[in-house]
Amino acid sequence: MSKNLDFEAFVAEHHDAVVRALTLALTDRSRAEDAAQEAFAKAFRHWRRVAVMDRPVAWVYVVALNGARREVRRELAAPSPDLLGPAPDLAGPVANRVSVRDALAVLAPRQRVAVVLRYLADLQVAEVAAAMGVSVGTAKATLHTALARMRVELTPDENLDAPAAPPALVRAHAPVLPQPKPV
């Protein structure tokens, strides 16, 4: 009975944060919920081993991302009935400010996953590297490149008449991005 109670408390504490982070990383809420559900189910099956880890939630992130990657690979390998692809968005951007979600959207999938795991899921760089299946140096370089690109996206456009978004709005979706060190 104790195993179930401990696991239920773990899920109650971490489920929403895992789904939010995966939604940003995968850009699909439904896929994120499925990946989180599968990862928590695997965590339950291996709870004795997972519960004693330093950060069991990091294990859940890794399992969820790996499962989502496998699913995407399967979908890409299957023939697509939609030969034309998705319809272009004809409405275009209508907002004067760029949100963190918009800035994440311009990143390559690998960069987006790295940023979400590091700053939203609050994983250490080594844990991010393990989740992505890359070396620590590659994870650091990916984060550096992604943050530089996000800074450009989050910088207000000088041509806009509207004032820039206050920092509180930018921080609404993710922690503040680290600033580069002065040279």
C-alpha atoms as a PDB file:
ATOM      1  CA  MET A   1       0.000   0.000   0.000  1.00  0.00           C
ATOM      2  CA  SER A   2       2.868   2.383   0.791  1.00  0.00           C
ATOM      3  CA  LYS A   3       4.213   1.981  -2.750  1.00  0.00           C
ATOM      4  CA  ASN A   4       0.918   3.249  -4.192  1.00  0.00           C
ATOM      5  CA  LEU A   5       0.675   6.179  -1.779  1.00  0.00           C
ATOM      6  CA  ASP A   6       4.271   7.292  -2.456  1.00  0.00           C
ATOM      7  CA  PHE A   7       3.757   7.026  -6.195  1.00  0.00           C
ATOM      8  CA  GLU A   8       0.420   8.864  -6.072  1.00  0.00           C
ATOM      9  CA  ALA A   9       2.089  11.725  -4.178  1.00  0.00           C
ATOM     10  CA  PHE A  10       4.916  11.778  -6.737  1.00  0.00           C
ATOM     11  CA  VAL A  11       2.462  11.981  -9.648  1.00  0.00           C
ATOM     12  CA  ALA A  12       0.341  14.626  -7.911  1.00  0.00           C
ATOM     13  CA  GLU A  13       3.438  16.753  -7.329  1.00  0.00           C
ATOM     14  CA  HIS A  14       5.049  16.445 -10.778  1.00  0.00           C
ATOM     15  CA  HIS A  15       2.442  15.519 -13.417  1.00  0.00           C
ATOM     16  CA  ASP A  16       1.326  19.041 -14.378  1.00  0.00           C
ATOM     17  CA  ALA A  17       4.893  20.372 -14.604  1.00  0.00           C
ATOM     18  CA  VAL A  18       5.979  17.413 -16.732  1.00  0.00           C
ATOM     19  CA  VAL A  19       3.047  17.890 -19.127  1.00  0.00           C
ATOM     20  CA  ARG A  20       3.727  21.654 -19.384  1.00  0.00           C
ATOM     21  CA  ALA A  21       7.410  21.105 -20.134  1.00  0.00           C
ATOM     22  CA  LEU A  22       6.681  18.371 -22.661  1.00  0.00           C
ATOM     23  CA  THR A  23       4.036  20.537 -24.341  1.00  0.00           C
ATOM     24  CA  LEU A  24       6.625  23.236 -24.940  1.00  0.00           C
ATOM     25  CA  ALA A  25       9.269  20.748 -26.028  1.00  0.00           C
ATOM     26  CA  LEU A  26       7.010  18.769 -28.353  1.00  0.00           C
ATOM     27  CA  THR A  27       4.722  21.673 -29.411  1.00  0.00           C
ATOM     28  CA  ASP A  28       1.708  19.385 -29.062  1.00  0.00           C
ATOM     29  CA  ARG A  29      -0.345  19.189 -25.856  1.00  0.00           C
ATOM     30  CA  SER A  30      -1.953  15.876 -26.775  1.00  0.00           C
ATOM     31  CA  ARG A  31       1.376  14.228 -27.592  1.00  0.00           C
ATOM     32  CA  ALA A  32       2.816  15.654 -24.351  1.00  0.00           C
ATOM     33  CA  GLU A  33      -0.024  14.232 -22.272  1.00  0.00           C
ATOM     34  CA  ASP A  34       0.378  10.812 -23.912  1.00  0.00           C
ATOM     35  CA  ALA A  35       4.148  10.837 -23.388  1.00  0.00           C
ATOM     36  CA  ALA A  36       3.767  11.884 -19.745  1.00  0.00           C
ATOM     37  CA  GLN A  37       1.142   9.204 -19.124  1.00  0.00           C
ATOM     38  CA  GLU A  38       3.366   6.502 -20.612  1.00  0.00           C
ATOM     39  CA  ALA A  39       6.380   7.711 -18.639  1.00  0.00           C
ATOM     40  CA  PHE A  40       4.490   7.760 -15.344  1.00  0.00           C
ATOM     41  CA  ALA A  41       3.123   4.276 -16.092  1.00  0.00           C
ATOM     42  CA  LYS A  42       6.683   3.014 -16.629  1.00  0.00           C
ATOM     43  CA  ALA A  43       7.758   4.792 -13.446  1.00  0.00           C
ATOM     44  CA  PHE A  44       5.044   2.932 -11.542  1.00  0.00           C
ATOM     45  CA  ARG A  45       6.130  -0.422 -12.960  1.00  0.00           C
ATOM     46  CA  HIS A  46       9.732   0.289 -11.865  1.00  0.00           C
ATOM     47  CA  TRP A  47       8.875   2.396  -8.800  1.00  0.00           C
ATOM     48  CA  ARG A  48      11.226   0.593  -6.402  1.00  0.00           C
ATOM     49  CA  ARG A  49      14.193   1.497  -8.600  1.00  0.00           C
ATOM     50  CA  VAL A  50      12.923   4.949  -9.662  1.00  0.00           C
ATOM     51  CA  ALA A  51      11.900   6.081  -6.165  1.00  0.00           C
ATOM     52  CA  VAL A  52      15.456   5.822  -4.822  1.00  0.00           C
ATOM     53  CA  MET A  53      16.989   7.941  -7.604  1.00  0.00           C
ATOM     54  CA  ASP A  54      18.265  11.413  -6.728  1.00  0.00           C
ATOM     55  CA  ARG A  55      15.722  13.029  -9.073  1.00  0.00           C
ATOM     56  CA  PRO A  56      13.004  10.572 -10.119  1.00  0.00           C
ATOM     57  CA  VAL A  57      11.262  13.284 -12.122  1.00  0.00           C
ATOM     58  CA  ALA A  58      14.335  13.581 -14.353  1.00  0.00           C
ATOM     59  CA  TRP A  59      13.925   9.882 -15.174  1.00  0.00           C
ATOM     60  CA  VAL A  60      10.285  10.576 -16.101  1.00  0.00           C
ATOM     61  CA  TYR A  61      11.339  13.413 -18.446  1.00  0.00           C
ATOM     62  CA  VAL A  62      13.913  11.195 -20.141  1.00  0.00           C
ATOM     63  CA  VAL A  63      11.465   8.317 -20.603  1.00  0.00           C
ATOM     64  CA  ALA A  64       8.730  10.664 -21.862  1.00  0.00           C
ATOM     65  CA  LEU A  65      10.994  12.354 -24.402  1.00  0.00           C
ATOM     66  CA  ASN A  66      12.420   9.069 -25.634  1.00  0.00           C
ATOM     67  CA  GLY A  67       8.910   7.660 -26.060  1.00  0.00           C
ATOM     68  CA  ALA A  68       7.724  10.766 -27.898  1.00  0.00           C
ATOM     69  CA  ARG A  69      10.768  10.640 -30.192  1.00  0.00           C
ATOM     70  CA  ARG A  70      10.053   6.988 -31.030  1.00  0.00           C
ATOM     71  CA  GLU A  71       6.436   7.853 -31.800  1.00  0.00           C
ATOM     72  CA  VAL A  72       7.453  10.723 -34.092  1.00  0.00           C
ATOM     73  CA  ARG A  73       9.917   8.457 -35.908  1.00  0.00           C
ATOM     74  CA  ARG A  74       7.169   5.867 -36.421  1.00  0.00           C
ATOM     75  CA  GLU A  75       4.814   8.511 -37.776  1.00  0.00           C
ATOM     76  CA  LEU A  76       7.457   9.890 -40.145  1.00  0.00           C
ATOM     77  CA  ALA A  77       8.212   6.407 -41.441  1.00  0.00           C
ATOM     78  CA  ALA A  78       4.529   5.721 -42.179  1.00  0.00           C
ATOM     79  CA  PRO A  79       3.110   7.048 -45.459  1.00  0.00           C
ATOM     80  CA  SER A  80       1.217  10.289 -44.992  1.00  0.00           C
ATOM     81  CA  PRO A  81      -2.299  10.618 -46.436  1.00  0.00           C
ATOM     82  CA  ASP A  82      -1.906  14.400 -46.470  1.00  0.00           C
ATOM     83  CA  LEU A  83       0.298  14.956 -49.518  1.00  0.00           C
ATOM     84  CA  LEU A  84      -0.066  18.720 -49.521  1.00  0.00           C
ATOM     85  CA  GLY A  85       1.008  19.255 -45.940  1.00  0.00           C
ATOM     86  CA  PRO A  86      -0.619  21.608 -43.484  1.00  0.00           C
ATOM     87  CA  ALA A  87      -2.377  24.689 -44.795  1.00  0.00           C
ATOM     88  CA  PRO A  88      -0.356  27.881 -44.348  1.00  0.00           C
ATOM     89  CA  ASP A  89      -1.461  30.331 -41.710  1.00  0.00           C
ATOM     90  CA  LEU A  90      -2.909  33.194 -43.739  1.00  0.00           C
ATOM     91  CA  ALA A  91      -3.736  35.323 -40.743  1.00  0.00           C
ATOM     92  CA  GLY A  92      -0.088  36.051 -40.014  1.00  0.00           C
ATOM     93  CA  PRO A  93       1.221  37.351 -36.733  1.00  0.00           C
ATOM     94  CA  VAL A  94      -1.066  39.883 -35.078  1.00  0.00           C
ATOM     95  CA  ALA A  95       0.660  40.513 -31.764  1.00  0.00           C
ATOM     96  CA  ASN A  96       3.174  43.313 -31.207  1.00  0.00           C
ATOM     97  CA  ARG A  97       5.109  41.365 -28.576  1.00  0.00           C
ATOM     98  CA  VAL A  98       6.925  38.067 -28.819  1.00  0.00           C
ATOM     99  CA  SER A  99       6.178  35.628 -26.021  1.00  0.00           C
ATOM    100  CA  VAL A 100       8.462  32.913 -24.771  1.00  0.00           C
ATOM    101  CA  ARG A 101       6.277  30.335 -26.526  1.00  0.00           C
ATOM    102  CA  ASP A 102       6.737  32.179 -29.832  1.00  0.00           C
ATOM    103  CA  ALA A 103      10.477  32.389 -29.252  1.00  0.00           C
ATOM    104  CA  LEU A 104      10.596  28.653 -28.518  1.00  0.00           C
ATOM    105  CA  ALA A 105       8.677  27.974 -31.722  1.00  0.00           C
ATOM    106  CA  VAL A 106      11.470  29.424 -33.888  1.00  0.00           C
ATOM    107  CA  LEU A 107      14.048  27.115 -32.355  1.00  0.00           C
ATOM    108  CA  ALA A 108      15.032  23.834 -33.913  1.00  0.00           C
ATOM    109  CA  PRO A 109      13.391  20.896 -32.112  1.00  0.00           C
ATOM    110  CA  ARG A 110      16.682  19.885 -30.469  1.00  0.00           C
ATOM    111  CA  GLN A 111      17.250  23.432 -29.180  1.00  0.00           C
ATOM    112  CA  ARG A 112      13.664  23.695 -27.940  1.00  0.00           C
ATOM    113  CA  VAL A 113      13.960  20.426 -26.011  1.00  0.00           C
ATOM    114  CA  ALA A 114      17.242  21.548 -24.441  1.00  0.00           C
ATOM    115  CA  VAL A 115      15.832  24.915 -23.307  1.00  0.00           C
ATOM    116  CA  VAL A 116      12.628  23.415 -21.934  1.00  0.00           C
ATOM    117  CA  LEU A 117      14.447  20.691 -20.008  1.00  0.00           C
ATOM    118  CA  ARG A 118      17.056  23.065 -18.608  1.00  0.00           C
ATOM    119  CA  TYR A 119      14.955  26.095 -17.685  1.00  0.00           C
ATOM    120  CA  LEU A 120      11.367  24.901 -17.371  1.00  0.00           C
ATOM    121  CA  ALA A 121      11.951  21.378 -16.064  1.00  0.00           C
ATOM    122  CA  ASP A 122      14.958  22.691 -14.081  1.00  0.00           C
ATOM    123  CA  LEU A 123      17.220  19.779 -14.988  1.00  0.00           C
ATOM    124  CA  GLN A 124      20.981  20.075 -14.640  1.00  0.00           C
ATOM    125  CA  VAL A 125      22.992  20.283 -17.892  1.00  0.00           C
ATOM    126  CA  ALA A 126      24.215  16.701 -17.398  1.00  0.00           C
ATOM    127  CA  GLU A 127      20.602  15.534 -17.022  1.00  0.00           C
ATOM    128  CA  VAL A 128      19.611  17.479 -20.138  1.00  0.00           C
ATOM    129  CA  ALA A 129      22.460  15.803 -22.016  1.00  0.00           C
ATOM    130  CA  ALA A 130      21.341  12.372 -20.818  1.00  0.00           C
ATOM    131  CA  ALA A 131      17.725  13.067 -21.777  1.00  0.00           C
ATOM    132  CA  MET A 132      18.782  14.181 -25.246  1.00  0.00           C
ATOM    133  CA  GLY A 133      21.291  11.366 -25.696  1.00  0.00           C
ATOM    134  CA  VAL A 134      24.212  13.740 -26.316  1.00  0.00           C
ATOM    135  CA  SER A 135      27.412  14.701 -24.522  1.00  0.00           C
ATOM    136  CA  VAL A 136      27.424  17.444 -21.890  1.00  0.00           C
ATOM    137  CA  GLY A 137      29.454  19.673 -24.227  1.00  0.00           C
ATOM    138  CA  THR A 138      26.904  19.252 -27.006  1.00  0.00           C
ATOM    139  CA  ALA A 139      24.077  20.060 -24.587  1.00  0.00           C
ATOM    140  CA  LYS A 140      25.910  23.213 -23.469  1.00  0.00           C
ATOM    141  CA  ALA A 141      26.547  24.295 -27.060  1.00  0.00           C
ATOM    142  CA  THR A 142      22.922  23.618 -27.997  1.00  0.00           C
ATOM    143  CA  LEU A 143      21.706  25.667 -25.028  1.00  0.00           C
ATOM    144  CA  HIS A 144      24.101  28.504 -25.842  1.00  0.00           C
ATOM    145  CA  THR A 145      22.933  28.694 -29.460  1.00  0.00           C
ATOM    146  CA  ALA A 146      19.280  28.406 -28.491  1.00  0.00           C
ATOM    147  CA  LEU A 147      19.512  31.123 -25.841  1.00  0.00           C
ATOM    148  CA  ALA A 148      21.278  33.463 -28.248  1.00  0.00           C
ATOM    149  CA  ARG A 149      18.501  32.957 -30.792  1.00  0.00           C
ATOM    150  CA  MET A 150      15.803  33.417 -28.149  1.00  0.00           C
ATOM    151  CA  ARG A 151      17.374  36.688 -27.020  1.00  0.00           C
ATOM    152  CA  VAL A 152      17.033  37.968 -30.576  1.00  0.00           C
ATOM    153  CA  GLU A 153      13.399  36.835 -30.711  1.00  0.00           C
ATOM    154  CA  LEU A 154      12.590  38.315 -27.303  1.00  0.00           C
ATOM    155  CA  THR A 155      14.162  41.696 -28.131  1.00  0.00           C
ATOM    156  CA  PRO A 156      11.420  44.217 -28.974  1.00  0.00           C
ATOM    157  CA  ASP A 157      11.302  45.348 -32.594  1.00  0.00           C
ATOM    158  CA  GLU A 158      12.401  48.987 -32.896  1.00  0.00           C
ATOM    159  CA  ASN A 159       9.808  49.586 -35.606  1.00  0.00           C
ATOM    160  CA  LEU A 160       6.853  48.870 -33.355  1.00  0.00           C
ATOM    161  CA  ASP A 161       5.036  51.825 -31.862  1.00  0.00           C
ATOM    162  CA  ALA A 162       3.836  49.776 -28.902  1.00  0.00           C
ATOM    163  CA  PRO A 163       6.006  49.625 -25.796  1.00  0.00           C
ATOM    164  CA  ALA A 164       7.997  46.472 -25.144  1.00  0.00           C
ATOM    165  CA  ALA A 165       6.456  43.759 -23.011  1.00  0.00           C
ATOM    166  CA  PRO A 166       7.264  44.192 -19.344  1.00  0.00           C
ATOM    167  CA  PRO A 167       9.654  41.563 -18.008  1.00  0.00           C
ATOM    168  CA  ALA A 168       6.851  40.014 -15.916  1.00  0.00           C
ATOM    169  CA  LEU A 169       4.996  39.039 -19.088  1.00  0.00           C
ATOM    170  CA  VAL A 170       8.064  37.433 -20.580  1.00  0.00           C
ATOM    171  CA  ARG A 171       8.630  35.452 -17.365  1.00  0.00           C
ATOM    172  CA  ALA A 172       5.041  34.175 -17.329  1.00  0.00           C
ATOM    173  CA  HIS A 173       5.932  31.004 -19.251  1.00  0.00           C
ATOM    174  CA  ALA A 174       9.517  30.232 -18.229  1.00  0.00           C
ATOM    175  CA  PRO A 175      12.319  31.374 -15.950  1.00  0.00           C
ATOM    176  CA  VAL A 176      14.455  34.328 -16.993  1.00  0.00           C
ATOM    177  CA  LEU A 177      17.080  33.334 -19.528  1.00  0.00           C
ATOM    178  CA  PRO A 178      20.665  33.793 -18.367  1.00  0.00           C
ATOM    179  CA  GLN A 179      22.440  36.789 -19.808  1.00  0.00           C
ATOM    180  CA  PRO A 180      25.797  36.395 -21.593  1.00  0.00           C
ATOM    181  CA  LYS A 181      28.872  37.174 -19.560  1.00  0.00           C
ATOM    182  CA  PRO A 182      30.565  40.502 -20.440  1.00  0.00           C
ATOM    183  CA  VAL A 183      33.734  40.141 -22.450  1.00  0.00           C
END
